[in-house]
C-alpha atoms as a PDB file:
ATOM      1  CA  UNK A   1     -47.542 -21.660 -26.222  1.00  0.00           C
ATOM      2  CA  UNK A   2     -45.489 -21.888 -23.024  1.00  0.00           C
ATOM      3  CA  UNK A   3     -42.364 -22.707 -25.052  1.00  0.00           C
ATOM      4  CA  UNK A   4     -42.977 -19.621 -27.189  1.00  0.00           C
ATOM      5  CA  UNK A   5     -43.335 -17.424 -24.079  1.00  0.00           C
ATOM      6  CA  UNK A   6     -40.153 -18.904 -22.597  1.00  0.00           C
ATOM      7  CA  UNK A   7     -38.267 -18.311 -25.850  1.00  0.00           C
ATOM      8  CA  UNK A   8     -39.512 -14.724 -25.910  1.00  0.00           C
ATOM      9  CA  UNK A   9     -38.375 -14.149 -22.313  1.00  0.00           C
ATOM     10  CA  UNK A  10     -34.930 -15.617 -23.022  1.00  0.00           C
ATOM     11  CA  UNK A  11     -34.590 -13.465 -26.135  1.00  0.00           C
ATOM     12  CA  UNK A  12     -35.623 -10.376 -24.178  1.00  0.00           C
ATOM     13  CA  UNK A  13     -33.135 -11.202 -21.449  1.00  0.00           C
ATOM     14  CA  UNK A  14     -30.331 -11.636 -23.966  1.00  0.00           C
ATOM     15  CA  UNK A  15     -31.259  -8.370 -25.637  1.00  0.00           C
ATOM     16  CA  UNK A  16     -31.172  -6.552 -22.299  1.00  0.00           C
ATOM     17  CA  UNK A  17     -27.770  -8.034 -21.506  1.00  0.00           C
ATOM     18  CA  UNK A  18     -26.398  -7.055 -24.910  1.00  0.00           C
ATOM     19  CA  UNK A  19     -27.722  -3.493 -24.527  1.00  0.00           C
ATOM     20  CA  UNK A  20     -26.132  -3.252 -21.040  1.00  0.00           C
ATOM     21  CA  UNK A  21     -22.814  -4.556 -22.325  1.00  0.00           C
ATOM     22  CA  UNK A  22     -22.898  -2.172 -25.286  1.00  0.00           C
ATOM     23  CA  UNK A  23     -23.759   0.768 -23.021  1.00  0.00           C
ATOM     24  CA  UNK A  24     -20.960  -0.199 -20.605  1.00  0.00           C
ATOM     25  CA  UNK A  25     -18.493  -0.442 -23.467  1.00  0.00           C
ATOM     26  CA  UNK A  26     -19.553   2.944 -24.829  1.00  0.00           C
ATOM     27  CA  UNK A  27     -19.287   4.456 -21.343  1.00  0.00           C
ATOM     28  CA  UNK A  28     -15.768   3.056 -20.957  1.00  0.00           C
ATOM     29  CA  UNK A  29     -14.730   4.414 -24.350  1.00  0.00           C
ATOM     30  CA  UNK A  30     -15.921   7.901 -23.387  1.00  0.00           C
ATOM     31  CA  UNK A  31     -14.261   7.729 -19.956  1.00  0.00           C
ATOM     32  CA  UNK A  32     -12.831   9.906 -18.480  1.00  0.00           C
ATOM     33  CA  UNK A  33     -14.994  12.952 -19.081  1.00  0.00           C
ATOM     34  CA  UNK A  34     -13.327  15.096 -16.403  1.00  0.00           C
ATOM     35  CA  UNK A  35     -10.170  15.073 -14.228  1.00  0.00           C
ATOM     36  CA  UNK A  36      -9.581  11.942 -12.140  1.00  0.00           C
ATOM     37  CA  UNK A  37      -9.154  12.449  -8.417  1.00  0.00           C
ATOM     38  CA  UNK A  38      -6.349  10.194  -7.145  1.00  0.00           C
ATOM     39  CA  UNK A  39      -6.676  10.133  -3.365  1.00  0.00           C
ATOM     40  CA  UNK A  40      -3.555   9.753  -1.222  1.00  0.00           C
ATOM     41  CA  UNK A  41      -4.473   8.713   2.337  1.00  0.00           C
ATOM     42  CA  UNK A  42      -1.033   9.733   3.639  1.00  0.00           C
ATOM     43  CA  UNK A  43       0.822  13.080   3.810  1.00  0.00           C
ATOM     44  CA  UNK A  44       3.186  14.196   1.027  1.00  0.00           C
ATOM     45  CA  UNK A  45       6.676  12.710   0.954  1.00  0.00           C
ATOM     46  CA  UNK A  46       5.784   9.094   1.697  1.00  0.00           C
ATOM     47  CA  UNK A  47       6.055   5.917  -0.329  1.00  0.00           C
ATOM     48  CA  UNK A  48       2.503   6.138  -1.703  1.00  0.00           C
ATOM     49  CA  UNK A  49       3.206   9.505  -3.304  1.00  0.00           C
ATOM     50  CA  UNK A  50       6.554   8.343  -4.722  1.00  0.00           C
ATOM     51  CA  UNK A  51       4.727   5.565  -6.590  1.00  0.00           C
ATOM     52  CA  UNK A  52       1.616   7.568  -7.445  1.00  0.00           C
ATOM     53  CA  UNK A  53       3.287  10.565  -9.088  1.00  0.00           C
ATOM     54  CA  UNK A  54       4.743   8.816 -12.155  1.00  0.00           C
ATOM     55  CA  UNK A  55       1.485   6.858 -12.572  1.00  0.00           C
ATOM     56  CA  UNK A  56      -0.594  10.057 -12.462  1.00  0.00           C
ATOM     57  CA  UNK A  57       1.741  11.822 -14.893  1.00  0.00           C
ATOM     58  CA  UNK A  58       1.591   9.053 -17.514  1.00  0.00           C
ATOM     59  CA  UNK A  59      -2.177   8.581 -17.142  1.00  0.00           C
ATOM     60  CA  UNK A  60      -2.719  12.317 -17.650  1.00  0.00           C
ATOM     61  CA  UNK A  61      -0.758  12.141 -20.908  1.00  0.00           C
ATOM     62  CA  UNK A  62      -2.573   9.059 -22.165  1.00  0.00           C
ATOM     63  CA  UNK A  63      -6.147   9.886 -21.136  1.00  0.00           C
ATOM     64  CA  UNK A  64      -6.297  13.566 -22.090  1.00  0.00           C
ATOM     65  CA  UNK A  65      -7.570  14.438 -18.601  1.00  0.00           C
ATOM     66  CA  UNK A  66      -5.545  15.436 -15.567  1.00  0.00           C
ATOM     67  CA  UNK A  67      -5.078  12.847 -12.839  1.00  0.00           C
ATOM     68  CA  UNK A  68      -4.900  15.041  -9.756  1.00  0.00           C
ATOM     69  CA  UNK A  69      -3.381  13.802  -6.491  1.00  0.00           C
ATOM     70  CA  UNK A  70      -5.623  14.755  -3.586  1.00  0.00           C
ATOM     71  CA  UNK A  71      -4.210  14.316  -0.080  1.00  0.00           C
ATOM     72  CA  UNK A  72      -6.622  13.015   2.558  1.00  0.00           C
ATOM     73  CA  UNK A  73      -4.262  11.846   5.319  1.00  0.00           C
ATOM     74  CA  UNK A  74      -5.033  10.697   8.821  1.00  0.00           C
ATOM     75  CA  UNK A  75      -6.396   7.902  10.998  1.00  0.00           C
ATOM     76  CA  UNK A  76      -4.170   5.212   9.525  1.00  0.00           C
ATOM     77  CA  UNK A  77      -5.428   5.820   5.944  1.00  0.00           C
ATOM     78  CA  UNK A  78      -9.081   5.397   6.925  1.00  0.00           C
ATOM     79  CA  UNK A  79     -10.008   9.027   6.127  1.00  0.00           C
ATOM     80  CA  UNK A  80      -8.903   8.729   2.507  1.00  0.00           C
ATOM     81  CA  UNK A  81     -10.430   5.277   2.212  1.00  0.00           C
ATOM     82  CA  UNK A  82     -13.777   6.523   3.543  1.00  0.00           C
ATOM     83  CA  UNK A  83     -13.806   9.492   1.144  1.00  0.00           C
ATOM     84  CA  UNK A  84     -13.303   7.045  -1.722  1.00  0.00           C
ATOM     85  CA  UNK A  85     -15.925   4.562  -0.529  1.00  0.00           C
ATOM     86  CA  UNK A  86     -18.518   7.361  -0.473  1.00  0.00           C
ATOM     87  CA  UNK A  87     -17.505   9.017  -3.762  1.00  0.00           C
ATOM     88  CA  UNK A  88     -19.629   8.763  -6.943  1.00  0.00           C
ATOM     89  CA  UNK A  89     -18.845   5.365  -8.524  1.00  0.00           C
ATOM     90  CA  UNK A  90     -18.051   6.713 -11.983  1.00  0.00           C
ATOM     91  CA  UNK A  91     -14.307   5.999 -12.136  1.00  0.00           C
ATOM     92  CA  UNK A  92     -13.313   9.617 -11.547  1.00  0.00           C
ATOM     93  CA  UNK A  93     -12.217   8.864  -7.959  1.00  0.00           C
ATOM     94  CA  UNK A  94      -9.538   6.299  -7.187  1.00  0.00           C
ATOM     95  CA  UNK A  95      -7.370   5.727  -4.132  1.00  0.00           C
ATOM     96  CA  UNK A  96      -4.028   4.120  -3.404  1.00  0.00           C
ATOM     97  CA  UNK A  97      -4.353   1.929  -0.312  1.00  0.00           C
ATOM     98  CA  UNK A  98      -1.440   0.164   1.320  1.00  0.00           C
ATOM     99  CA  UNK A  99      -1.010  -2.854   3.567  1.00  0.00           C
ATOM    100  CA  UNK A 100      -2.557  -0.831   6.405  1.00  0.00           C
ATOM    101  CA  UNK A 101      -5.915  -1.180   4.632  1.00  0.00           C
ATOM    102  CA  UNK A 102      -5.902  -4.895   5.478  1.00  0.00           C
ATOM    103  CA  UNK A 103      -4.384  -4.338   8.937  1.00  0.00           C
ATOM    104  CA  UNK A 104      -7.099  -1.847   9.903  1.00  0.00           C
ATOM    105  CA  UNK A 105      -9.772  -4.509   9.465  1.00  0.00           C
ATOM    106  CA  UNK A 106      -8.607  -6.217  12.669  1.00  0.00           C
ATOM    107  CA  UNK A 107      -6.663  -3.471  14.468  1.00  0.00           C
ATOM    108  CA  UNK A 108      -9.431  -0.857  14.484  1.00  0.00           C
ATOM    109  CA  UNK A 109     -12.579  -1.773  16.429  1.00  0.00           C
ATOM    110  CA  UNK A 110     -14.880   0.191  14.117  1.00  0.00           C
ATOM    111  CA  UNK A 111     -14.501   1.422  10.552  1.00  0.00           C
ATOM    112  CA  UNK A 112     -16.878   3.689   8.594  1.00  0.00           C
ATOM    113  CA  UNK A 113     -16.758   1.291   5.646  1.00  0.00           C
ATOM    114  CA  UNK A 114     -16.415  -2.403   4.821  1.00  0.00           C
ATOM    115  CA  UNK A 115     -12.813  -3.166   3.845  1.00  0.00           C
ATOM    116  CA  UNK A 116     -13.869  -5.546   1.061  1.00  0.00           C
ATOM    117  CA  UNK A 117     -17.457  -4.733   0.043  1.00  0.00           C
ATOM    118  CA  UNK A 118     -17.141  -0.943  -0.271  1.00  0.00           C
ATOM    119  CA  UNK A 119     -14.275  -0.940  -2.797  1.00  0.00           C
ATOM    120  CA  UNK A 120     -13.813  -2.085  -6.374  1.00  0.00           C
ATOM    121  CA  UNK A 121     -10.321  -3.513  -6.749  1.00  0.00           C
ATOM    122  CA  UNK A 122      -8.488  -2.093  -9.771  1.00  0.00           C
ATOM    123  CA  UNK A 123      -4.918  -3.403  -9.558  1.00  0.00           C
ATOM    124  CA  UNK A 124      -2.199  -4.409  -7.150  1.00  0.00           C
ATOM    125  CA  UNK A 125       0.258  -1.871  -8.527  1.00  0.00           C
ATOM    126  CA  UNK A 126       3.498  -2.776  -6.747  1.00  0.00           C
ATOM    127  CA  UNK A 127       5.202  -4.195  -3.685  1.00  0.00           C
ATOM    128  CA  UNK A 128       8.115  -2.765  -1.721  1.00  0.00           C
ATOM    129  CA  UNK A 129      10.421  -4.072   1.009  1.00  0.00           C
ATOM    130  CA  UNK A 130      10.610  -2.402   4.374  1.00  0.00           C
ATOM    131  CA  UNK A 131      14.137  -1.487   5.406  1.00  0.00           C
ATOM    132  CA  UNK A 132      15.338  -1.384   9.003  1.00  0.00           C
ATOM    133  CA  UNK A 133      17.209   1.913   9.294  1.00  0.00           C
ATOM    134  CA  UNK A 134      19.099   3.669  12.076  1.00  0.00           C
ATOM    135  CA  UNK A 135      20.842   7.016  12.117  1.00  0.00           C
ATOM    136  CA  UNK A 136      24.336   6.618  10.662  1.00  0.00           C
ATOM    137  CA  UNK A 137      25.788   7.798  13.992  1.00  0.00           C
ATOM    138  CA  UNK A 138      24.121   4.961  15.923  1.00  0.00           C
ATOM    139  CA  UNK A 139      26.160   1.994  17.111  1.00  0.00           C
ATOM    140  CA  UNK A 140      23.715  -0.620  15.775  1.00  0.00           C
ATOM    141  CA  UNK A 141      25.166  -2.350  12.708  1.00  0.00           C
ATOM    142  CA  UNK A 142      23.146  -5.564  12.428  1.00  0.00           C
ATOM    143  CA  UNK A 143      19.826  -7.099  13.441  1.00  0.00           C
ATOM    144  CA  UNK A 144      21.651  -9.061  16.124  1.00  0.00           C
ATOM    145  CA  UNK A 145      23.041  -5.765  17.476  1.00  0.00           C
ATOM    146  CA  UNK A 146      19.475  -4.438  17.584  1.00  0.00           C
ATOM    147  CA  UNK A 147      18.168  -7.507  19.405  1.00  0.00           C
ATOM    148  CA  UNK A 148      21.048  -7.381  21.912  1.00  0.00           C
ATOM    149  CA  UNK A 149      20.525  -3.653  22.589  1.00  0.00           C
ATOM    150  CA  UNK A 150      16.774  -4.135  23.040  1.00  0.00           C
ATOM    151  CA  UNK A 151      17.253  -7.055  25.439  1.00  0.00           C
ATOM    152  CA  UNK A 152      19.829  -5.144  27.454  1.00  0.00           C
ATOM    153  CA  UNK A 153      17.520  -2.109  27.724  1.00  0.00           C
ATOM    154  CA  UNK A 154      13.892  -3.322  27.666  1.00  0.00           C
ATOM    155  CA  UNK A 155      11.514  -0.570  26.532  1.00  0.00           C
ATOM    156  CA  UNK A 156      14.255   2.058  26.247  1.00  0.00           C
ATOM    157  CA  UNK A 157      14.859   1.785  22.519  1.00  0.00           C
ATOM    158  CA  UNK A 158      12.084   3.333  20.453  1.00  0.00           C
ATOM    159  CA  UNK A 159      10.953   3.163  16.853  1.00  0.00           C
ATOM    160  CA  UNK A 160       9.063   5.587  14.642  1.00  0.00           C
ATOM    161  CA  UNK A 161       6.193   4.526  12.434  1.00  0.00           C
ATOM    162  CA  UNK A 162       4.204   6.267   9.723  1.00  0.00           C
ATOM    163  CA  UNK A 163       1.174   5.969  12.015  1.00  0.00           C
ATOM    164  CA  UNK A 164      -0.611   3.483  14.221  1.00  0.00           C
ATOM    165  CA  UNK A 165      -1.820   0.571  12.115  1.00  0.00           C
ATOM    166  CA  UNK A 166       0.701   1.252   9.363  1.00  0.00           C
ATOM    167  CA  UNK A 167       2.927  -1.552   8.094  1.00  0.00           C
ATOM    168  CA  UNK A 168       5.881   0.232   9.708  1.00  0.00           C
ATOM    169  CA  UNK A 169       4.059  -0.219  13.031  1.00  0.00           C
ATOM    170  CA  UNK A 170       2.817  -3.811  12.739  1.00  0.00           C
ATOM    171  CA  UNK A 171       6.045  -5.100  11.174  1.00  0.00           C
ATOM    172  CA  UNK A 172       7.931  -4.040  14.299  1.00  0.00           C
ATOM    173  CA  UNK A 173       5.256  -5.466  16.587  1.00  0.00           C
ATOM    174  CA  UNK A 174       5.621  -8.766  14.759  1.00  0.00           C
ATOM    175  CA  UNK A 175       9.423  -8.509  14.984  1.00  0.00           C
ATOM    176  CA  UNK A 176       9.168  -7.853  18.717  1.00  0.00           C
ATOM    177  CA  UNK A 177       7.019 -10.952  19.238  1.00  0.00           C
ATOM    178  CA  UNK A 178       9.290 -13.321  17.267  1.00  0.00           C
ATOM    179  CA  UNK A 179      12.581 -11.837  18.528  1.00  0.00           C
ATOM    180  CA  UNK A 180      11.411 -11.568  22.136  1.00  0.00           C
ATOM    181  CA  UNK A 181      12.262  -7.890  22.577  1.00  0.00           C
ATOM    182  CA  UNK A 182      10.548  -4.767  23.894  1.00  0.00           C
ATOM    183  CA  UNK A 183      10.880  -1.607  21.774  1.00  0.00           C
ATOM    184  CA  UNK A 184       8.631   1.427  22.360  1.00  0.00           C
ATOM    185  CA  UNK A 185       6.407   2.748  19.570  1.00  0.00           C
ATOM    186  CA  UNK A 186       6.354   6.436  18.562  1.00  0.00           C
ATOM    187  CA  UNK A 187       3.727   7.000  15.823  1.00  0.00           C
ATOM    188  CA  UNK A 188       4.005   9.908  13.385  1.00  0.00           C
ATOM    189  CA  UNK A 189       1.617  11.264  10.768  1.00  0.00           C
ATOM    190  CA  UNK A 190       3.245   9.686   7.750  1.00  0.00           C
ATOM    191  CA  UNK A 191       6.580   8.315   6.643  1.00  0.00           C
ATOM    192  CA  UNK A 192       8.039  11.764   5.922  1.00  0.00           C
ATOM    193  CA  UNK A 193       7.742  12.988   9.530  1.00  0.00           C
ATOM    194  CA  UNK A 194       9.059   9.625  10.806  1.00  0.00           C
ATOM    195  CA  UNK A 195      12.152   9.961   8.598  1.00  0.00           C
ATOM    196  CA  UNK A 196      12.661  13.519   9.867  1.00  0.00           C
ATOM    197  CA  UNK A 197      12.467  12.228  13.455  1.00  0.00           C
ATOM    198  CA  UNK A 198      15.197   9.663  12.802  1.00  0.00           C
ATOM    199  CA  UNK A 199      17.365  12.291  11.114  1.00  0.00           C
ATOM    200  CA  UNK A 200      17.071  14.368  14.296  1.00  0.00           C
ATOM    201  CA  UNK A 201      17.743  11.272  16.462  1.00  0.00           C
ATOM    202  CA  UNK A 202      14.405  11.689  18.230  1.00  0.00           C
ATOM    203  CA  UNK A 203      13.955   7.934  17.736  1.00  0.00           C
ATOM    204  CA  UNK A 204      16.325   4.985  17.420  1.00  0.00           C
ATOM    205  CA  UNK A 205      15.061   3.228  14.302  1.00  0.00           C
ATOM    206  CA  UNK A 206      12.333   2.758  11.679  1.00  0.00           C
ATOM    207  CA  UNK A 207      11.087  -0.210   9.726  1.00  0.00           C
ATOM    208  CA  UNK A 208      10.448   2.131   6.812  1.00  0.00           C
ATOM    209  CA  UNK A 209       9.222   1.703   3.256  1.00  0.00           C
ATOM    210  CA  UNK A 210      12.408   1.470   1.234  1.00  0.00           C
ATOM    211  CA  UNK A 211      11.481   4.271  -1.150  1.00  0.00           C
ATOM    212  CA  UNK A 212      11.007   6.745   1.723  1.00  0.00           C
ATOM    213  CA  UNK A 213      14.436   6.178   3.260  1.00  0.00           C
ATOM    214  CA  UNK A 214      16.471   5.366   0.150  1.00  0.00           C
ATOM    215  CA  UNK A 215      17.783   8.910  -0.402  1.00  0.00           C
ATOM    216  CA  UNK A 216      18.954   9.130   3.224  1.00  0.00           C
ATOM    217  CA  UNK A 217      20.664   5.730   2.935  1.00  0.00           C
ATOM    218  CA  UNK A 218      22.382   6.687  -0.302  1.00  0.00           C
ATOM    219  CA  UNK A 219      23.344  10.056   1.185  1.00  0.00           C
ATOM    220  CA  UNK A 220      25.001   8.399   4.185  1.00  0.00           C
ATOM    221  CA  UNK A 221      22.632   9.813   6.813  1.00  0.00           C
ATOM    222  CA  UNK A 222      20.908   6.473   7.511  1.00  0.00           C
ATOM    223  CA  UNK A 223      22.426   3.026   7.904  1.00  0.00           C
ATOM    224  CA  UNK A 224      20.411   0.199   6.345  1.00  0.00           C
ATOM    225  CA  UNK A 225      20.546  -2.729   8.779  1.00  0.00           C
ATOM    226  CA  UNK A 226      18.323  -5.242   6.949  1.00  0.00           C
ATOM    227  CA  UNK A 227      15.342  -5.589   4.615  1.00  0.00           C
ATOM    228  CA  UNK A 228      12.094  -7.255   5.621  1.00  0.00           C
ATOM    229  CA  UNK A 229      11.495  -9.461   2.581  1.00  0.00           C
ATOM    230  CA  UNK A 230      12.699 -13.021   1.992  1.00  0.00           C
ATOM    231  CA  UNK A 231      14.968 -11.811  -0.816  1.00  0.00           C
ATOM    232  CA  UNK A 232      17.362  -8.871  -0.883  1.00  0.00           C
ATOM    233  CA  UNK A 233      16.331  -5.673  -2.647  1.00  0.00           C
ATOM    234  CA  UNK A 234      17.608  -4.982  -6.157  1.00  0.00           C
ATOM    235  CA  UNK A 235      18.528  -1.422  -5.128  1.00  0.00           C
ATOM    236  CA  UNK A 236      20.354  -2.459  -1.918  1.00  0.00           C
ATOM    237  CA  UNK A 237      21.876  -5.825  -2.828  1.00  0.00           C
ATOM    238  CA  UNK A 238      24.548  -5.487  -0.135  1.00  0.00           C
ATOM    239  CA  UNK A 239      21.972  -5.262   2.684  1.00  0.00           C
ATOM    240  CA  UNK A 240      20.964  -8.635   4.209  1.00  0.00           C
ATOM    241  CA  UNK A 241      17.426  -9.753   4.914  1.00  0.00           C
ATOM    242  CA  UNK A 242      16.057 -10.087   8.445  1.00  0.00           C
ATOM    243  CA  UNK A 243      15.851 -13.833   7.772  1.00  0.00           C
ATOM    244  CA  UNK A 244      19.541 -13.977   6.879  1.00  0.00           C
ATOM    245  CA  UNK A 245      20.268 -12.012  10.035  1.00  0.00           C
ATOM    246  CA  UNK A 246      18.952 -14.716  12.330  1.00  0.00           C
ATOM    247  CA  UNK A 247      15.152 -14.320  12.446  1.00  0.00           C
ATOM    248  CA  UNK A 248      13.789 -17.347  10.518  1.00  0.00           C
ATOM    249  CA  UNK A 249      10.654 -16.963   8.423  1.00  0.00           C
ATOM    250  CA  UNK A 250      10.459 -13.170   8.620  1.00  0.00           C
ATOM    251  CA  UNK A 251       8.987 -11.994   5.322  1.00  0.00           C
ATOM    252  CA  UNK A 252       6.962  -8.777   5.151  1.00  0.00           C
ATOM    253  CA  UNK A 253       6.536  -6.357   2.282  1.00  0.00           C
ATOM    254  CA  UNK A 254       4.453  -3.259   1.800  1.00  0.00           C
ATOM    255  CA  UNK A 255       1.905  -3.481  -1.023  1.00  0.00           C
ATOM    256  CA  UNK A 256       0.166  -0.750  -2.976  1.00  0.00           C
ATOM    257  CA  UNK A 257      -3.323  -1.372  -4.321  1.00  0.00           C
ATOM    258  CA  UNK A 258      -5.470   0.987  -6.355  1.00  0.00           C
ATOM    259  CA  UNK A 259      -9.213   0.934  -5.733  1.00  0.00           C
ATOM    260  CA  UNK A 260     -12.400   2.705  -6.840  1.00  0.00           C
ATOM    261  CA  UNK A 261     -15.801   2.954  -5.112  1.00  0.00           C
ATOM    262  CA  UNK A 262     -17.643  -0.377  -5.015  1.00  0.00           C
ATOM    263  CA  UNK A 263     -20.331   0.294  -7.639  1.00  0.00           C
ATOM    264  CA  UNK A 264     -17.936   1.527 -10.325  1.00  0.00           C
ATOM    265  CA  UNK A 265     -18.958  -0.171 -13.617  1.00  0.00           C
ATOM    266  CA  UNK A 266     -16.764  -3.171 -14.500  1.00  0.00           C
ATOM    267  CA  UNK A 267     -15.938  -1.677 -17.915  1.00  0.00           C
ATOM    268  CA  UNK A 268     -14.531   1.427 -16.219  1.00  0.00           C
ATOM    269  CA  UNK A 269     -12.590  -0.708 -13.704  1.00  0.00           C
ATOM    270  CA  UNK A 270     -11.060  -2.649 -16.591  1.00  0.00           C
ATOM    271  CA  UNK A 271     -10.111   0.557 -18.394  1.00  0.00           C
ATOM    272  CA  UNK A 272      -8.507   1.965 -15.247  1.00  0.00           C
ATOM    273  CA  UNK A 273      -6.644  -1.319 -14.777  1.00  0.00           C
ATOM    274  CA  UNK A 274      -5.262  -1.202 -18.326  1.00  0.00           C
ATOM    275  CA  UNK A 275      -4.314   2.477 -18.110  1.00  0.00           C
ATOM    276  CA  UNK A 276      -2.544   2.135 -14.749  1.00  0.00           C
ATOM    277  CA  UNK A 277      -0.530  -0.874 -15.928  1.00  0.00           C
ATOM    278  CA  UNK A 278       0.340   0.965 -19.151  1.00  0.00           C
ATOM    279  CA  UNK A 279       1.430   4.022 -17.135  1.00  0.00           C
ATOM    280  CA  UNK A 280       3.680   2.042 -14.785  1.00  0.00           C
ATOM    281  CA  UNK A 281       5.391   0.311 -17.680  1.00  0.00           C
ATOM    282  CA  UNK A 282       6.094   3.435 -19.716  1.00  0.00           C
ATOM    283  CA  UNK A 283       9.915   3.519 -19.938  1.00  0.00           C
ATOM    284  CA  UNK A 284      10.490   6.715 -17.939  1.00  0.00           C
ATOM    285  CA  UNK A 285       7.924   5.833 -15.255  1.00  0.00           C
ATOM    286  CA  UNK A 286       9.168   2.256 -14.942  1.00  0.00           C
ATOM    287  CA  UNK A 287      12.768   3.393 -14.508  1.00  0.00           C
ATOM    288  CA  UNK A 288      11.762   5.880 -11.824  1.00  0.00           C
ATOM    289  CA  UNK A 289       9.536   3.390  -9.965  1.00  0.00           C
ATOM    290  CA  UNK A 290      12.082   0.559  -9.962  1.00  0.00           C
ATOM    291  CA  UNK A 291      14.930   2.896  -9.014  1.00  0.00           C
ATOM    292  CA  UNK A 292      12.970   3.679  -5.820  1.00  0.00           C
ATOM    293  CA  UNK A 293      12.911  -0.016  -4.885  1.00  0.00           C
ATOM    294  CA  UNK A 294       9.399  -1.037  -5.978  1.00  0.00           C
ATOM    295  CA  UNK A 295       8.569  -4.287  -7.741  1.00  0.00           C
ATOM    296  CA  UNK A 296       5.888  -3.527 -10.338  1.00  0.00           C
ATOM    297  CA  UNK A 297       3.045  -6.064 -10.217  1.00  0.00           C
ATOM    298  CA  UNK A 298       0.063  -4.805 -12.224  1.00  0.00           C
ATOM    299  CA  UNK A 299      -2.452  -7.497 -11.228  1.00  0.00           C
ATOM    300  CA  UNK A 300      -6.002  -8.057 -12.440  1.00  0.00           C
ATOM    301  CA  UNK A 301      -8.895  -6.758 -10.286  1.00  0.00           C
ATOM    302  CA  UNK A 302      -9.716 -10.334  -9.251  1.00  0.00           C
ATOM    303  CA  UNK A 303      -6.138 -10.955  -8.128  1.00  0.00           C
ATOM    304  CA  UNK A 304      -6.204  -7.822  -5.966  1.00  0.00           C
ATOM    305  CA  UNK A 305      -9.534  -8.943  -4.470  1.00  0.00           C
ATOM    306  CA  UNK A 306      -8.004 -12.275  -3.465  1.00  0.00           C
ATOM    307  CA  UNK A 307      -4.852 -10.587  -2.160  1.00  0.00           C
ATOM    308  CA  UNK A 308      -6.781  -8.217   0.118  1.00  0.00           C
ATOM    309  CA  UNK A 309      -8.803 -11.074   1.615  1.00  0.00           C
ATOM    310  CA  UNK A 310      -5.649 -13.106   2.206  1.00  0.00           C
ATOM    311  CA  UNK A 311      -3.901 -10.120   3.814  1.00  0.00           C
ATOM    312  CA  UNK A 312      -6.832  -9.431   6.140  1.00  0.00           C
ATOM    313  CA  UNK A 313      -6.496 -12.994   7.457  1.00  0.00           C
ATOM    314  CA  UNK A 314      -2.707 -12.797   7.721  1.00  0.00           C
ATOM    315  CA  UNK A 315      -2.600  -9.493   9.602  1.00  0.00           C
ATOM    316  CA  UNK A 316      -5.447 -10.463  11.931  1.00  0.00           C
ATOM    317  CA  UNK A 317      -3.169 -13.237  13.194  1.00  0.00           C
ATOM    318  CA  UNK A 318      -0.206 -10.830  13.564  1.00  0.00           C
ATOM    319  CA  UNK A 319      -2.378  -8.375  15.510  1.00  0.00           C
ATOM    320  CA  UNK A 320      -3.629 -11.144  17.788  1.00  0.00           C
ATOM    321  CA  UNK A 321      -0.251 -12.846  18.330  1.00  0.00           C
ATOM    322  CA  UNK A 322       1.667  -9.621  18.919  1.00  0.00           C
ATOM    323  CA  UNK A 323      -0.997  -8.022  21.101  1.00  0.00           C
ATOM    324  CA  UNK A 324      -0.669  -4.821  19.053  1.00  0.00           C
ATOM    325  CA  UNK A 325      -3.066  -2.056  19.998  1.00  0.00           C
ATOM    326  CA  UNK A 326      -3.730   1.505  18.933  1.00  0.00           C
ATOM    327  CA  UNK A 327      -2.105   4.000  21.277  1.00  0.00           C
END
């Protein structure tokens, strides 16, 4: 009798699981049922938008629903992240979060969300080198020139960032700690305004996302001094790495992850993952993305989960060792 009851319970459990899986699959097949809101936590003109636009365009074609970019800039990307964390978990809200998402976990004393638990990872879309740029009229030609100028004038050189807590902020703080120099930080509200500041010579340099400064480099208005990654960039093969320039072990890249609210059904997350990867690899989109300096990744959700956790640990150490603080 007990065996019969147990068998009945097991059968009922299996039936429930099959019904849930079938319902999830049907839900994913019907998705999306309305436009998808693609949140950008930075102002227009930055590296996140440059990557997001071709993805949104291809997804709109393939899904039969518009993927609409919705700007929610401010507070080091935390405003856009918070909007996403609190959105309905139905797959119709996604967000592109950058390296700053992991940095904020240790740099900001309080956050309105949990960096890991409140988001469903969709895919690590791409990575991108930072490029050390100066105005083309500046005298600095190399990283060693920069180090020498900073040591000769402690605190007098200044650098722009896309905002406190951004990769363009913490990368320089890390550089300062390993190179033993003092360079003043001037935060801006996004990469676009930081680039404008360097064009006007309001600041001396930026460790900028390559895609944001590439047009100014190619147009001769900026000089590319070095790239932040261990290998040279495929779009600037003549520009040395910071490692090559005499700073051993320096290897930092910006990364671009796409997330949904935490309770988004796994079937929807998987569909978003497949559609985003398909969009990035469409010939026209891929050409545009790679021409801007990005390396397309297209990871699984689980790989992005692991990456975020690893990056939180890595940047916590950089924040601690460099003594970086929010101004």
